[in-house]
Amino acid sequence: MLGPGSPFSQEERIWIIKKFGELKSPTKVQRAFCISFPKQNPKSIPTLWQFQRVIKTFDASGDVGDPQVKPRVVDGIPQCNVQAVKDYFTLNDKAHIREAVKDLGYSIDKIWFILRKILKWRAYRPHTATVLTVKQRKTRLQAAEWFLSHDKEFFATEVLW
């Protein structure tokens, strides 16, 4: 099984450490790896620094096990904070982040992170459309009345959607 952030399996990491003990060069280990573990796509061959990282990790800890999974930042935010932000913006349609900072006592970054990354909410920015003139309104109203004055078969045979 591949470790998170590592292109190597457990077997491959053990092989790299053994081969490094034999060859004493990460570059030579990388070349030997390409021969022992052929990849279908040459671009999928791990880079030299990835080999060096496996060797460095082994030197530091003496272990070739799966790398530790880093905790997600989302896991560090309590669910009660997420719920408080969600309730605040659900109840206050015209609420702003700066108002939420004052009312909830959280930082702007924390509220922004909860809204964007956890709740997946985005700001809606209304854009003004062109204001219709009186002539344009009459024309559109006439077109709508013309469409409504015909029967359903007319649309099926004459109008392309």
Protein backbone atom coordinates (compact mmCIF):
# COMPACT_ATOMS: atom_id res chain seq x y z
CA MET A 1 0.00 0.00 0.00
CA LEU A 2 1.31 3.44 -0.83
CA GLY A 3 1.83 5.84 2.00
CA PRO A 4 0.23 9.26 1.76
CA GLY A 5 2.51 11.55 -0.21
CA SER A 6 4.88 8.70 -1.06
CA PRO A 7 5.15 7.10 -4.49
CA PHE A 8 6.70 3.97 -2.95
CA SER A 9 5.11 0.87 -1.48
CA GLN A 10 6.45 -0.75 1.68
CA GLU A 11 8.36 -3.32 -0.41
CA GLU A 12 9.91 -0.62 -2.59
CA ARG A 13 11.04 1.43 0.42
CA ILE A 14 12.77 -1.63 1.93
CA TRP A 15 14.42 -2.31 -1.43
CA ILE A 16 15.64 1.32 -1.64
CA ILE A 17 17.26 1.15 1.80
CA LYS A 18 18.98 -2.16 1.05
CA LYS A 19 20.19 -0.92 -2.33
CA PHE A 20 21.46 2.33 -0.82
CA GLY A 21 23.52 0.32 1.68
CA GLU A 22 25.01 -1.53 -1.25
CA LEU A 23 25.52 1.32 -3.75
CA LYS A 24 25.96 4.34 -1.40
CA SER A 25 24.47 6.74 -3.98
CA PRO A 26 20.85 7.88 -4.34
CA THR A 27 21.38 8.43 -8.08
CA LYS A 28 22.58 4.85 -8.59
CA VAL A 29 19.66 3.61 -6.46
CA GLN A 30 17.25 5.53 -8.70
CA ARG A 31 18.77 3.96 -11.83
CA ALA A 32 18.63 0.47 -10.32
CA PHE A 33 15.04 1.11 -9.22
CA CYS A 34 14.02 1.84 -12.81
CA ILE A 35 15.39 -1.55 -13.86
CA SER A 36 13.97 -3.55 -10.92
CA PHE A 37 10.55 -1.85 -10.85
CA PRO A 38 9.79 -0.89 -14.47
CA LYS A 39 7.02 1.65 -14.98
CA GLN A 40 4.87 1.85 -18.09
CA ASN A 41 5.23 5.62 -18.31
CA PRO A 42 8.75 7.07 -17.94
CA LYS A 43 7.29 10.20 -16.34
CA SER A 44 5.93 8.13 -13.44
CA ILE A 45 9.44 7.28 -12.26
CA PRO A 46 10.00 8.94 -8.86
CA THR A 47 12.44 11.82 -8.73
CA LEU A 48 15.80 11.78 -7.01
CA TRP A 49 14.63 13.85 -4.06
CA GLN A 50 11.91 11.27 -3.34
CA PHE A 51 14.58 8.60 -3.02
CA GLN A 52 16.65 10.91 -0.82
CA ARG A 53 13.62 11.52 1.42
CA VAL A 54 13.12 7.77 1.98
CA ILE A 55 16.81 7.39 2.84
CA LYS A 56 16.79 10.44 5.13
CA THR A 57 13.67 9.22 6.94
CA PHE A 58 15.28 5.84 7.49
CA ASP A 59 18.47 7.45 8.82
CA ALA A 60 16.47 9.63 11.22
CA SER A 61 14.01 7.06 12.57
CA GLY A 62 15.31 3.65 11.51
CA ASP A 63 11.86 2.83 10.14
CA VAL A 64 10.62 2.36 6.58
CA GLY A 65 6.95 2.22 7.57
CA ASP A 66 4.21 4.29 6.02
CA PRO A 67 4.70 8.03 6.53
CA GLN A 68 2.53 9.57 9.21
CA VAL A 69 -0.68 11.12 7.97
CA LYS A 70 -0.75 14.83 8.64
CA PRO A 71 -3.94 15.92 10.42
CA ARG A 72 -6.26 17.93 8.23
CA VAL A 73 -6.87 21.52 9.27
CA VAL A 74 -10.59 20.84 8.92
CA ASP A 75 -10.31 18.31 11.75
CA GLY A 76 -8.86 21.01 14.02
CA ILE A 77 -11.96 23.22 13.90
CA PRO A 78 -14.66 22.15 16.37
CA GLN A 79 -18.03 21.30 14.91
CA CYS A 80 -19.71 23.79 17.26
CA ASN A 81 -17.74 26.64 15.60
CA VAL A 82 -18.78 25.46 12.15
CA GLN A 83 -22.41 25.27 13.27
CA ALA A 84 -22.24 28.74 14.85
CA VAL A 85 -20.93 30.28 11.60
CA LYS A 86 -23.51 28.39 9.54
CA ASP A 87 -26.37 29.52 11.80
CA TYR A 88 -25.15 33.12 11.82
CA PHE A 89 -25.10 33.43 8.04
CA THR A 90 -28.29 31.41 7.59
CA LEU A 91 -30.28 33.63 9.94
CA ASN A 92 -28.77 36.92 8.74
CA ASP A 93 -29.23 37.20 4.98
CA LYS A 94 -27.32 40.47 4.74
CA ALA A 95 -24.57 39.49 7.17
CA HIS A 96 -20.96 40.36 6.43
CA ILE A 97 -17.77 38.64 7.61
CA ARG A 98 -16.72 41.70 9.64
CA GLU A 99 -20.06 41.65 11.47
CA ALA A 100 -19.61 37.95 12.16
CA VAL A 101 -16.16 38.64 13.62
CA LYS A 102 -17.67 41.07 16.11
CA ASP A 103 -20.66 38.90 16.97
CA LEU A 104 -19.03 35.47 17.08
CA GLY A 105 -15.58 36.44 18.33
CA TYR A 106 -13.69 34.40 15.70
CA SER A 107 -10.97 35.74 13.42
CA ILE A 108 -11.69 36.72 9.82
CA ASP A 109 -9.43 33.94 8.57
CA LYS A 110 -11.24 31.31 10.63
CA ILE A 111 -14.68 32.42 9.45
CA TRP A 112 -13.48 32.63 5.85
CA PHE A 113 -11.96 29.14 6.10
CA ILE A 114 -15.16 27.68 7.54
CA LEU A 115 -17.32 29.31 4.86
CA ARG A 116 -15.13 28.40 1.88
CA LYS A 117 -13.43 25.13 2.78
CA ILE A 118 -15.81 23.38 5.16
CA LEU A 119 -19.26 24.65 4.19
CA LYS A 120 -18.26 25.21 0.53
CA TRP A 121 -20.16 28.50 0.41
CA ARG A 122 -19.23 31.24 -2.01
CA ALA A 123 -20.18 34.89 -2.00
CA TYR A 124 -22.91 35.87 -4.39
CA ARG A 125 -22.22 39.17 -6.02
CA PRO A 126 -25.23 40.54 -7.84
CA HIS A 127 -24.50 42.25 -11.11
CA THR A 128 -26.73 44.94 -12.49
CA ALA A 129 -28.24 44.12 -15.83
CA THR A 130 -29.06 46.59 -18.53
CA VAL A 131 -32.28 48.41 -17.78
CA LEU A 132 -34.87 47.82 -20.47
CA THR A 133 -36.23 50.81 -22.31
CA VAL A 134 -39.96 51.28 -22.82
CA LYS A 135 -39.66 50.15 -26.45
CA GLN A 136 -37.76 46.98 -25.45
CA ARG A 137 -40.37 46.12 -22.82
CA LYS A 138 -43.21 46.48 -25.35
CA THR A 139 -41.35 44.34 -27.89
CA ARG A 140 -40.69 41.57 -25.37
CA LEU A 141 -44.29 41.67 -24.16
CA GLN A 142 -45.56 41.36 -27.74
CA ALA A 143 -43.23 38.40 -28.38
CA ALA A 144 -44.44 36.66 -25.23
CA GLU A 145 -48.10 37.23 -26.13
CA TRP A 146 -47.45 35.93 -29.65
CA PHE A 147 -45.92 32.72 -28.24
CA LEU A 148 -48.84 32.26 -25.84
CA SER A 149 -51.43 32.79 -28.57
CA HIS A 150 -50.38 29.61 -30.42
CA ASP A 151 -51.25 26.05 -29.49
CA LYS A 152 -48.83 23.35 -28.28
CA GLU A 153 -48.42 21.68 -31.69
CA PHE A 154 -47.06 24.94 -33.08
CA PHE A 155 -44.10 24.79 -30.71
CA ALA A 156 -43.38 21.14 -31.50
CA THR A 157 -43.32 21.71 -35.26
CA GLU A 158 -42.21 25.32 -35.81
CA VAL A 159 -40.04 26.44 -32.88
CA LEU A 160 -36.51 25.11 -32.49
CA TRP A 161 -35.21 25.00 -28.93
